[in-house]
Every structure is written in structure tokens, then in C-alpha cells.
Amino acid sequence: IDFDLILENIKDLNSLVGEGISQVEHTPRGARLRRPEPLPLTLYQNGIVVGSGAFRPYQHPSTQQCLQDIMDGFFPSELQPRYPDGV
């Protein structure tokens, strides 16, 4: 696993979705600025944790697919239903 590539691509993906930029959120009484909630990805020697999810070893197929998506420069496909605009 190329951790440097993963970190570099995560930085690029964060820039793509406007990391640190507030978005307008419409409310019943008007609108307000809101910063999107980040989704932490914790990398360990033997696996990952996405958000507040369970530990996932690198040997697990879903973990391998998640990291391959990131190494290919894409948001993990498993997150697309929950975050269609990226996270």
C-alpha cells in the first residue's frame, strides 16, 4: 500500500470538494453558512477505520476496494450513496 499516494490523493480530493469553504444551507427562516462535516479516515499498520465505523483489516475486499479507489484518484465508491457530491 502506497500511503504517500493515498495521502496525496486525499488532499487532492479534499481540495476538489472545497475543504474549508462554507456552503449556504437554506433554513425555514432564511439561510446560514455551514461547513461540511469531514469524514475521518484513520490508517493503521494493519487496517483502516472510516468515520466512526469498525476497524477494517487491509485483507478485507471492501478495504482493498476503498483504498484502490483513493489510489486511483476517486472518492471511495462505497461512500457515493451517502455523499453524492464527495466528502
PDB file of N, CA and C in Angstrom:
ATOM      1  N   ILE A   1       0.854  -1.182   0.000  1.00  0.00           N
ATOM      2  CA  ILE A   1       0.000   0.000   0.000  1.00  0.00           C
ATOM      3  C   ILE A   1       0.888   1.229   0.000  1.00  0.00           C
ATOM      4  N   ASP A   2       0.628   2.124  -0.932  1.00  0.00           N
ATOM      5  CA  ASP A   2       1.398   3.359  -1.059  1.00  0.00           C
ATOM      6  C   ASP A   2       0.718   4.453  -0.242  1.00  0.00           C
ATOM      7  N   PHE A   3       1.122   4.578   1.031  1.00  0.00           N
ATOM      8  CA  PHE A   3       0.491   5.545   1.925  1.00  0.00           C
ATOM      9  C   PHE A   3       0.706   6.985   1.465  1.00  0.00           C
ATOM     10  N   ASP A   4       1.872   7.261   0.876  1.00  0.00           N
ATOM     11  CA  ASP A   4       2.126   8.613   0.373  1.00  0.00           C
ATOM     12  C   ASP A   4       1.140   8.978  -0.731  1.00  0.00           C
ATOM     13  N   LEU A   5       0.880   8.033  -1.624  1.00  0.00           N
ATOM     14  CA  LEU A   5      -0.080   8.271  -2.706  1.00  0.00           C
ATOM     15  C   LEU A   5      -1.485   8.459  -2.136  1.00  0.00           C
ATOM     16  N   ILE A   6      -1.845   7.642  -1.158  1.00  0.00           N
ATOM     17  CA  ILE A   6      -3.165   7.785  -0.535  1.00  0.00           C
ATOM     18  C   ILE A   6      -3.323   9.165   0.078  1.00  0.00           C
ATOM     19  N   LEU A   7      -2.339   9.605   0.849  1.00  0.00           N
ATOM     20  CA  LEU A   7      -2.423  10.921   1.496  1.00  0.00           C
ATOM     21  C   LEU A   7      -2.459  12.053   0.473  1.00  0.00           C
ATOM     22  N   GLU A   8      -1.653  11.936  -0.575  1.00  0.00           N
ATOM     23  CA  GLU A   8      -1.642  12.954  -1.635  1.00  0.00           C
ATOM     24  C   GLU A   8      -2.995  13.027  -2.334  1.00  0.00           C
ATOM     25  N   ASN A   9      -3.575  11.874  -2.648  1.00  0.00           N
ATOM     26  CA  ASN A   9      -4.862  11.857  -3.343  1.00  0.00           C
ATOM     27  C   ASN A   9      -5.995  12.329  -2.436  1.00  0.00           C
ATOM     28  N   ILE A  10      -5.920  12.023  -1.149  1.00  0.00           N
ATOM     29  CA  ILE A  10      -6.928  12.535  -0.217  1.00  0.00           C
ATOM     30  C   ILE A  10      -6.871  14.059  -0.178  1.00  0.00           C
ATOM     31  N   LYS A  11      -5.669  14.606  -0.162  1.00  0.00           N
ATOM     32  CA  LYS A  11      -5.521  16.061  -0.173  1.00  0.00           C
ATOM     33  C   LYS A  11      -6.132  16.664  -1.450  1.00  0.00           C
ATOM     34  N   ASP A  12      -5.884  16.020  -2.590  1.00  0.00           N
ATOM     35  CA  ASP A  12      -6.454  16.487  -3.859  1.00  0.00           C
ATOM     36  C   ASP A  12      -7.978  16.385  -3.859  1.00  0.00           C
ATOM     37  N   LEU A  13      -8.508  15.285  -3.345  1.00  0.00           N
ATOM     38  CA  LEU A  13      -9.962  15.113  -3.290  1.00  0.00           C
ATOM     39  C   LEU A  13     -10.599  16.131  -2.355  1.00  0.00           C
ATOM     40  N   ASN A  14      -9.934  16.406  -1.227  1.00  0.00           N
ATOM     41  CA  ASN A  14     -10.451  17.424  -0.307  1.00  0.00           C
ATOM     42  C   ASN A  14     -10.506  18.795  -0.982  1.00  0.00           C
ATOM     43  N   SER A  15      -9.497  19.114  -1.762  1.00  0.00           N
ATOM     44  CA  SER A  15      -9.496  20.389  -2.488  1.00  0.00           C
ATOM     45  C   SER A  15     -10.623  20.438  -3.509  1.00  0.00           C
ATOM     46  N   LEU A  16     -10.880  19.314  -4.136  1.00  0.00           N
ATOM     47  CA  LEU A  16     -11.916  19.224  -5.158  1.00  0.00           C
ATOM     48  C   LEU A  16     -13.294  19.569  -4.599  1.00  0.00           C
ATOM     49  N   VAL A  17     -13.586  19.130  -3.380  1.00  0.00           N
ATOM     50  CA  VAL A  17     -14.904  19.392  -2.789  1.00  0.00           C
ATOM     51  C   VAL A  17     -14.920  20.673  -1.959  1.00  0.00           C
ATOM     52  N   GLY A  18     -13.826  21.435  -1.976  1.00  0.00           N
ATOM     53  CA  GLY A  18     -13.823  22.727  -1.294  1.00  0.00           C
ATOM     54  C   GLY A  18     -13.578  22.642   0.192  1.00  0.00           C
ATOM     55  N   GLU A  19     -12.575  21.913   0.592  1.00  0.00           N
ATOM     56  CA  GLU A  19     -12.241  21.784   2.012  1.00  0.00           C
ATOM     57  C   GLU A  19     -12.063  23.161   2.635  1.00  0.00           C
ATOM     58  N   GLY A  20     -12.723  23.394   3.755  1.00  0.00           N
ATOM     59  CA  GLY A  20     -12.606  24.659   4.468  1.00  0.00           C
ATOM     60  C   GLY A  20     -13.501  25.755   3.934  1.00  0.00           C
ATOM     61  N   ILE A  21     -14.267  25.498   2.889  1.00  0.00           N
ATOM     62  CA  ILE A  21     -15.150  26.509   2.297  1.00  0.00           C
ATOM     63  C   ILE A  21     -16.566  26.268   2.806  1.00  0.00           C
ATOM     64  N   SER A  22     -17.184  27.338   3.302  1.00  0.00           N
ATOM     65  CA  SER A  22     -18.558  27.226   3.797  1.00  0.00           C
ATOM     66  C   SER A  22     -19.539  27.177   2.635  1.00  0.00           C
ATOM     67  N   GLN A  23     -20.660  26.504   2.885  1.00  0.00           N
ATOM     68  CA  GLN A  23     -21.718  26.408   1.890  1.00  0.00           C
ATOM     69  C   GLN A  23     -22.984  27.025   2.468  1.00  0.00           C
ATOM     70  N   VAL A  24     -23.855  27.511   1.600  1.00  0.00           N
ATOM     71  CA  VAL A  24     -25.120  28.082   2.029  1.00  0.00           C
ATOM     72  C   VAL A  24     -26.092  26.947   2.318  1.00  0.00           C
ATOM     73  N   GLU A  25     -26.656  26.977   3.523  1.00  0.00           N
ATOM     74  CA  GLU A  25     -27.663  25.995   3.917  1.00  0.00           C
ATOM     75  C   GLU A  25     -28.972  26.742   4.123  1.00  0.00           C
ATOM     76  N   HIS A  26     -29.980  26.371   3.380  1.00  0.00           N
ATOM     77  CA  HIS A  26     -31.278  27.034   3.487  1.00  0.00           C
ATOM     78  C   HIS A  26     -32.025  26.504   4.709  1.00  0.00           C
ATOM     79  N   THR A  27     -32.616  27.416   5.464  1.00  0.00           N
ATOM     80  CA  THR A  27     -33.377  27.078   6.661  1.00  0.00           C
ATOM     81  C   THR A  27     -34.785  27.641   6.513  1.00  0.00           C
ATOM     82  N   PRO A  28     -35.720  27.225   7.355  1.00  0.00           N
ATOM     83  CA  PRO A  28     -37.087  27.765   7.264  1.00  0.00           C
ATOM     84  C   PRO A  28     -37.147  29.291   7.430  1.00  0.00           C
ATOM     85  N   ARG A  29     -36.178  29.848   8.154  1.00  0.00           N
ATOM     86  CA  ARG A  29     -36.175  31.295   8.403  1.00  0.00           C
ATOM     87  C   ARG A  29     -35.174  32.061   7.551  1.00  0.00           C
ATOM     88  N   GLY A  30     -34.580  31.424   6.574  1.00  0.00           N
ATOM     89  CA  GLY A  30     -33.600  32.106   5.725  1.00  0.00           C
ATOM     90  C   GLY A  30     -32.503  31.154   5.281  1.00  0.00           C
ATOM     91  N   ALA A  31     -31.277  31.541   5.599  1.00  0.00           N
ATOM     92  CA  ALA A  31     -30.133  30.724   5.223  1.00  0.00           C
ATOM     93  C   ALA A  31     -28.987  30.999   6.177  1.00  0.00           C
ATOM     94  N   ARG A  32     -28.035  30.094   6.203  1.00  0.00           N
ATOM     95  CA  ARG A  32     -26.840  30.278   7.024  1.00  0.00           C
ATOM     96  C   ARG A  32     -25.671  29.577   6.351  1.00  0.00           C
ATOM     97  N   LEU A  33     -24.469  29.963   6.735  1.00  0.00           N
ATOM     98  CA  LEU A  33     -23.275  29.317   6.211  1.00  0.00           C
ATOM     99  C   LEU A  33     -22.964  28.100   7.062  1.00  0.00           C
ATOM    100  N   ARG A  34     -22.586  27.032   6.402  1.00  0.00           N
ATOM    101  CA  ARG A  34     -22.272  25.784   7.094  1.00  0.00           C
ATOM    102  C   ARG A  34     -21.056  25.162   6.436  1.00  0.00           C
ATOM    103  N   ARG A  35     -20.153  24.683   7.274  1.00  0.00           N
ATOM    104  CA  ARG A  35     -19.004  23.935   6.759  1.00  0.00           C
ATOM    105  C   ARG A  35     -19.369  22.462   6.737  1.00  0.00           C
ATOM    106  N   PRO A  36     -19.078  21.784   5.647  1.00  0.00           N
ATOM    107  CA  PRO A  36     -19.380  20.349   5.585  1.00  0.00           C
ATOM    108  C   PRO A  36     -18.620  19.585   6.664  1.00  0.00           C
ATOM    109  N   GLU A  37     -19.253  18.563   7.210  1.00  0.00           N
ATOM    110  CA  GLU A  37     -18.610  17.715   8.204  1.00  0.00           C
ATOM    111  C   GLU A  37     -17.579  16.822   7.520  1.00  0.00           C
ATOM    112  N   PRO A  38     -16.360  16.793   8.029  1.00  0.00           N
ATOM    113  CA  PRO A  38     -15.366  15.885   7.436  1.00  0.00           C
ATOM    114  C   PRO A  38     -15.654  14.437   7.827  1.00  0.00           C
ATOM    115  N   LEU A  39     -15.155  13.530   7.038  1.00  0.00           N
ATOM    116  CA  LEU A  39     -15.263  12.104   7.329  1.00  0.00           C
ATOM    117  C   LEU A  39     -13.845  11.597   7.559  1.00  0.00           C
ATOM    118  N   PRO A  40     -13.483  11.353   8.820  1.00  0.00           N
ATOM    119  CA  PRO A  40     -12.101  10.927   9.091  1.00  0.00           C
ATOM    120  C   PRO A  40     -11.796   9.545   8.518  1.00  0.00           C
ATOM    121  N   LEU A  41     -10.596   9.410   8.035  1.00  0.00           N
ATOM    122  CA  LEU A  41     -10.063   8.126   7.593  1.00  0.00           C
ATOM    123  C   LEU A  41      -8.784   7.916   8.396  1.00  0.00           C
ATOM    124  N   THR A  42      -8.777   6.883   9.238  1.00  0.00           N
ATOM    125  CA  THR A  42      -7.621   6.592  10.073  1.00  0.00           C
ATOM    126  C   THR A  42      -6.914   5.380   9.502  1.00  0.00           C
ATOM    127  N   LEU A  43      -5.631   5.567   9.199  1.00  0.00           N
ATOM    128  CA  LEU A  43      -4.811   4.496   8.630  1.00  0.00           C
ATOM    129  C   LEU A  43      -3.953   3.891   9.735  1.00  0.00           C
ATOM    130  N   TYR A  44      -4.012   2.579   9.876  1.00  0.00           N
ATOM    131  CA  TYR A  44      -3.199   1.851  10.832  1.00  0.00           C
ATOM    132  C   TYR A  44      -2.251   0.937  10.076  1.00  0.00           C
ATOM    133  N   GLN A  45      -1.328   0.345  10.797  1.00  0.00           N
ATOM    134  CA  GLN A  45      -0.369  -0.559  10.187  1.00  0.00           C
ATOM    135  C   GLN A  45      -1.061  -1.763   9.556  1.00  0.00           C
ATOM    136  N   ASN A  46      -2.191  -2.180  10.143  1.00  0.00           N
ATOM    137  CA  ASN A  46      -2.834  -3.398   9.668  1.00  0.00           C
ATOM    138  C   ASN A  46      -4.280  -3.207   9.202  1.00  0.00           C
ATOM    139  N   GLY A  47      -4.735  -1.950   9.051  1.00  0.00           N
ATOM    140  CA  GLY A  47      -6.099  -1.723   8.598  1.00  0.00           C
ATOM    141  C   GLY A  47      -6.503  -0.259   8.672  1.00  0.00           C
ATOM    142  N   ILE A  48      -7.798   0.009   8.457  1.00  0.00           N
ATOM    143  CA  ILE A  48      -8.318   1.369   8.441  1.00  0.00           C
ATOM    144  C   ILE A  48      -9.608   1.440   9.261  1.00  0.00           C
ATOM    145  N   VAL A  49      -9.959   2.683   9.607  1.00  0.00           N
ATOM    146  CA  VAL A  49     -11.265   2.991  10.173  1.00  0.00           C
ATOM    147  C   VAL A  49     -11.791   4.184   9.390  1.00  0.00           C
ATOM    148  N   VAL A  50     -13.003   4.065   8.848  1.00  0.00           N
ATOM    149  CA  VAL A  50     -13.638   5.157   8.107  1.00  0.00           C
ATOM    150  C   VAL A  50     -14.729   5.732   8.996  1.00  0.00           C
ATOM    151  N   GLY A  51     -14.602   7.030   9.301  1.00  0.00           N
ATOM    152  CA  GLY A  51     -15.576   7.682  10.184  1.00  0.00           C
ATOM    153  C   GLY A  51     -15.568   7.017  11.542  1.00  0.00           C
ATOM    154  N   SER A  52     -16.747   6.755  12.055  1.00  0.00           N
ATOM    155  CA  SER A  52     -16.858   6.088  13.359  1.00  0.00           C
ATOM    156  C   SER A  52     -17.172   4.600  13.165  1.00  0.00           C
ATOM    157  N   GLY A  53     -16.838   4.090  11.997  1.00  0.00           N
ATOM    158  CA  GLY A  53     -17.109   2.689  11.680  1.00  0.00           C
ATOM    159  C   GLY A  53     -16.154   1.732  12.365  1.00  0.00           C
ATOM    160  N   ALA A  54     -16.313   0.492  12.058  1.00  0.00           N
ATOM    161  CA  ALA A  54     -15.499  -0.572  12.635  1.00  0.00           C
ATOM    162  C   ALA A  54     -14.123  -0.627  11.975  1.00  0.00           C
ATOM    163  N   PHE A  55     -13.178  -1.199  12.688  1.00  0.00           N
ATOM    164  CA  PHE A  55     -11.852  -1.452  12.134  1.00  0.00           C
ATOM    165  C   PHE A  55     -11.979  -2.434  10.976  1.00  0.00           C
ATOM    166  N   ARG A  56     -11.260  -2.134   9.894  1.00  0.00           N
ATOM    167  CA  ARG A  56     -11.302  -2.980   8.699  1.00  0.00           C
ATOM    168  C   ARG A  56      -9.878  -3.354   8.308  1.00  0.00           C
ATOM    169  N   PRO A  57      -9.542  -4.648   8.388  1.00  0.00           N
ATOM    170  CA  PRO A  57      -8.178  -5.064   8.013  1.00  0.00           C
ATOM    171  C   PRO A  57      -7.940  -4.878   6.513  1.00  0.00           C
ATOM    172  N   TYR A  58      -6.674  -4.665   6.168  1.00  0.00           N
ATOM    173  CA  TYR A  58      -6.309  -4.455   4.768  1.00  0.00           C
ATOM    174  C   TYR A  58      -6.646  -5.654   3.885  1.00  0.00           C
ATOM    175  N   GLN A  59      -6.716  -6.855   4.451  1.00  0.00           N
ATOM    176  CA  GLN A  59      -7.002  -8.033   3.648  1.00  0.00           C
ATOM    177  C   GLN A  59      -8.464  -8.116   3.220  1.00  0.00           C
ATOM    178  N   HIS A  60      -9.344  -7.366   3.865  1.00  0.00           N
ATOM    179  CA  HIS A  60     -10.774  -7.437   3.548  1.00  0.00           C
ATOM    180  C   HIS A  60     -11.013  -6.823   2.167  1.00  0.00           C
ATOM    181  N   PRO A  61     -11.800  -7.477   1.302  1.00  0.00           N
ATOM    182  CA  PRO A  61     -12.032  -6.962  -0.056  1.00  0.00           C
ATOM    183  C   PRO A  61     -12.606  -5.545  -0.094  1.00  0.00           C
ATOM    184  N   SER A  62     -13.505  -5.194   0.823  1.00  0.00           N
ATOM    185  CA  SER A  62     -14.070  -3.835   0.795  1.00  0.00           C
ATOM    186  C   SER A  62     -13.022  -2.789   1.159  1.00  0.00           C
ATOM    187  N   THR A  63     -12.091  -3.145   2.030  1.00  0.00           N
ATOM    188  CA  THR A  63     -10.993  -2.233   2.388  1.00  0.00           C
ATOM    189  C   THR A  63     -10.072  -2.049   1.189  1.00  0.00           C
ATOM    190  N   GLN A  64      -9.760  -3.143   0.508  1.00  0.00           N
ATOM    191  CA  GLN A  64      -8.904  -3.058  -0.670  1.00  0.00           C
ATOM    192  C   GLN A  64      -9.550  -2.205  -1.755  1.00  0.00           C
ATOM    193  N   GLN A  65     -10.864  -2.338  -1.951  1.00  0.00           N
ATOM    194  CA  GLN A  65     -11.563  -1.541  -2.957  1.00  0.00           C
ATOM    195  C   GLN A  65     -11.566  -0.071  -2.573  1.00  0.00           C
ATOM    196  N   CYS A  66     -11.796   0.225  -1.302  1.00  0.00           N
ATOM    197  CA  CYS A  66     -11.799   1.611  -0.814  1.00  0.00           C
ATOM    198  C   CYS A  66     -10.445   2.274  -1.082  1.00  0.00           C
ATOM    199  N   LEU A  67      -9.371   1.599  -0.702  1.00  0.00           N
ATOM    200  CA  LEU A  67      -8.038   2.174  -0.891  1.00  0.00           C
ATOM    201  C   LEU A  67      -7.650   2.241  -2.366  1.00  0.00           C
ATOM    202  N   GLN A  68      -8.085   1.274  -3.153  1.00  0.00           N
ATOM    203  CA  GLN A  68      -7.789   1.318  -4.590  1.00  0.00           C
ATOM    204  C   GLN A  68      -8.482   2.515  -5.239  1.00  0.00           C
ATOM    205  N   ASP A  69      -9.729   2.772  -4.839  1.00  0.00           N
ATOM    206  CA  ASP A  69     -10.438   3.944  -5.363  1.00  0.00           C
ATOM    207  C   ASP A  69      -9.655   5.216  -5.056  1.00  0.00           C
ATOM    208  N   ILE A  70      -9.180   5.345  -3.819  1.00  0.00           N
ATOM    209  CA  ILE A  70      -8.416   6.538  -3.428  1.00  0.00           C
ATOM    210  C   ILE A  70      -7.109   6.606  -4.210  1.00  0.00           C
ATOM    211  N   MET A  71      -6.403   5.480  -4.333  1.00  0.00           N
ATOM    212  CA  MET A  71      -5.131   5.480  -5.064  1.00  0.00           C
ATOM    213  C   MET A  71      -5.338   5.798  -6.546  1.00  0.00           C
ATOM    214  N   ASP A  72      -6.525   5.486  -7.076  1.00  0.00           N
ATOM    215  CA  ASP A  72      -6.840   5.822  -8.461  1.00  0.00           C
ATOM    216  C   ASP A  72      -7.311   7.267  -8.610  1.00  0.00           C
ATOM    217  N   GLY A  73      -7.436   7.995  -7.478  1.00  0.00           N
ATOM    218  CA  GLY A  73      -7.820   9.406  -7.529  1.00  0.00           C
ATOM    219  C   GLY A  73      -9.314   9.647  -7.452  1.00  0.00           C
ATOM    220  N   PHE A  74     -10.062   8.671  -6.971  1.00  0.00           N
ATOM    221  CA  PHE A  74     -11.519   8.793  -6.872  1.00  0.00           C
ATOM    222  C   PHE A  74     -11.966   8.710  -5.420  1.00  0.00           C
ATOM    223  N   PHE A  75     -13.160   9.269  -5.160  1.00  0.00           N
ATOM    224  CA  PHE A  75     -13.774   9.057  -3.860  1.00  0.00           C
ATOM    225  C   PHE A  75     -14.151   7.577  -3.770  1.00  0.00           C
ATOM    226  N   PRO A  76     -14.024   6.981  -2.586  1.00  0.00           N
ATOM    227  CA  PRO A  76     -14.400   5.571  -2.463  1.00  0.00           C
ATOM    228  C   PRO A  76     -15.843   5.339  -2.903  1.00  0.00           C
ATOM    229  N   SER A  77     -16.025   4.348  -3.760  1.00  0.00           N
ATOM    230  CA  SER A  77     -17.356   4.078  -4.307  1.00  0.00           C
ATOM    231  C   SER A  77     -18.357   3.725  -3.218  1.00  0.00           C
ATOM    232  N   GLU A  78     -17.898   3.188  -2.102  1.00  0.00           N
ATOM    233  CA  GLU A  78     -18.809   2.848  -1.006  1.00  0.00           C
ATOM    234  C   GLU A  78     -19.447   4.081  -0.370  1.00  0.00           C
ATOM    235  N   LEU A  79     -18.855   5.255  -0.572  1.00  0.00           N
ATOM    236  CA  LEU A  79     -19.382   6.487   0.029  1.00  0.00           C
ATOM    237  C   LEU A  79     -20.340   7.233  -0.898  1.00  0.00           C
ATOM    238  N   GLN A  80     -20.400   6.853  -2.164  1.00  0.00           N
ATOM    239  CA  GLN A  80     -21.203   7.599  -3.130  1.00  0.00           C
ATOM    240  C   GLN A  80     -22.685   7.680  -2.774  1.00  0.00           C
ATOM    241  N   PRO A  81     -23.320   6.610  -2.278  1.00  0.00           N
ATOM    242  CA  PRO A  81     -24.741   6.750  -1.930  1.00  0.00           C
ATOM    243  C   PRO A  81     -24.995   7.775  -0.819  1.00  0.00           C
ATOM    244  N   ARG A  82     -24.093   7.812   0.174  1.00  0.00           N
ATOM    245  CA  ARG A  82     -24.264   8.749   1.294  1.00  0.00           C
ATOM    246  C   ARG A  82     -23.771  10.154   0.982  1.00  0.00           C
ATOM    247  N   TYR A  83     -22.761  10.271   0.139  1.00  0.00           N
ATOM    248  CA  TYR A  83     -22.134  11.560  -0.171  1.00  0.00           C
ATOM    249  C   TYR A  83     -21.995  11.701  -1.688  1.00  0.00           C
ATOM    250  N   PRO A  84     -23.091  11.964  -2.404  1.00  0.00           N
ATOM    251  CA  PRO A  84     -23.007  12.017  -3.873  1.00  0.00           C
ATOM    252  C   PRO A  84     -22.134  13.147  -4.411  1.00  0.00           C
ATOM    253  N   ASP A  85     -21.895  14.207  -3.615  1.00  0.00           N
ATOM    254  CA  ASP A  85     -21.055  15.318  -4.055  1.00  0.00           C
ATOM    255  C   ASP A  85     -19.637  15.235  -3.528  1.00  0.00           C
ATOM    256  N   GLY A  86     -19.301  14.111  -2.875  1.00  0.00           N
ATOM    257  CA  GLY A  86     -17.974  13.963  -2.265  1.00  0.00           C
ATOM    258  C   GLY A  86     -18.026  14.351  -0.798  1.00  0.00           C
ATOM    259  N   VAL A  87     -16.970  13.963  -0.097  1.00  0.00           N
ATOM    260  CA  VAL A  87     -16.887  14.260   1.332  1.00  0.00           C
ATOM    261  C   VAL A  87     -15.457  14.517   1.709  1.00  0.00           C
TER     262      VAL A  87
END
